[in-house]
């Protein structure tokens, strides 16, 4: 009995199936994408039912009026890309800092001078939720056009309770607005804002931010780096996050 898919993609110059043992690939295995030259792939009800050389798939498939067919035009066809680390929800730009980097200034030097994360925090706080939602959705559209179908998005450009929650609410709203899978991460510990000491800010993250952020996020992240958050501070924050279910 032949397959009756509702989607058939054919004339795939290269079809990267990623067939092989499950789990992350490292070392030389990263380049083994199980590519089929001149391939085709078909699905039904959102589930792939067959993939292989085009002639082989053609012999297995019955195309009917309910089948949407798409000619890939000899292009590369891959599974959707998953971007597990982004800061897509922000306002403004730091392109002016490129000149500083070209002059030899380090990232941490720029941060300590009030630039870097702090510059973006000021612009993100001033933007408001409607603008944040619009600019982030536009970025996700560009990512979708380049093949990204699942994306993690961090907060971390609010650095106070109301603006961190605002960022997470915007990120959560995107789940209903964009076709990608959106995974929100709380990153209130992205930098220490100038109005706080390091100790006071870590306490704020642990005791005030995290309990309110946890219902809006799936994960918690910390910028553990010289001049930002120490390993001990990071452990305290992540222990609290884990206790809250993140």
Foldseek 3Di string as FASTA:
>chain_A
DADEFLEKEFLAQKEQCQDDDDDDDDDPCVPPRVIAGRKMWGHHPPGTDDIHHNVVNVVRYDYDPSHDYHYPPNHYHYAFDEAEDDALQFDDDDPVCVVVVVVPDDQVNQVVVCDDLNVRLVRRVPQDLVNSLVSSLVVVVVVVVVRHQEYEHEQQSPLAQVSLQSSLVSQLVVCVVDRHHYAYEYESQAFHDPVDDPVVSLCCLLPPRLVVCLVSHQYYDHDDDVRGHDPVSRVSNRVSNVVSPD
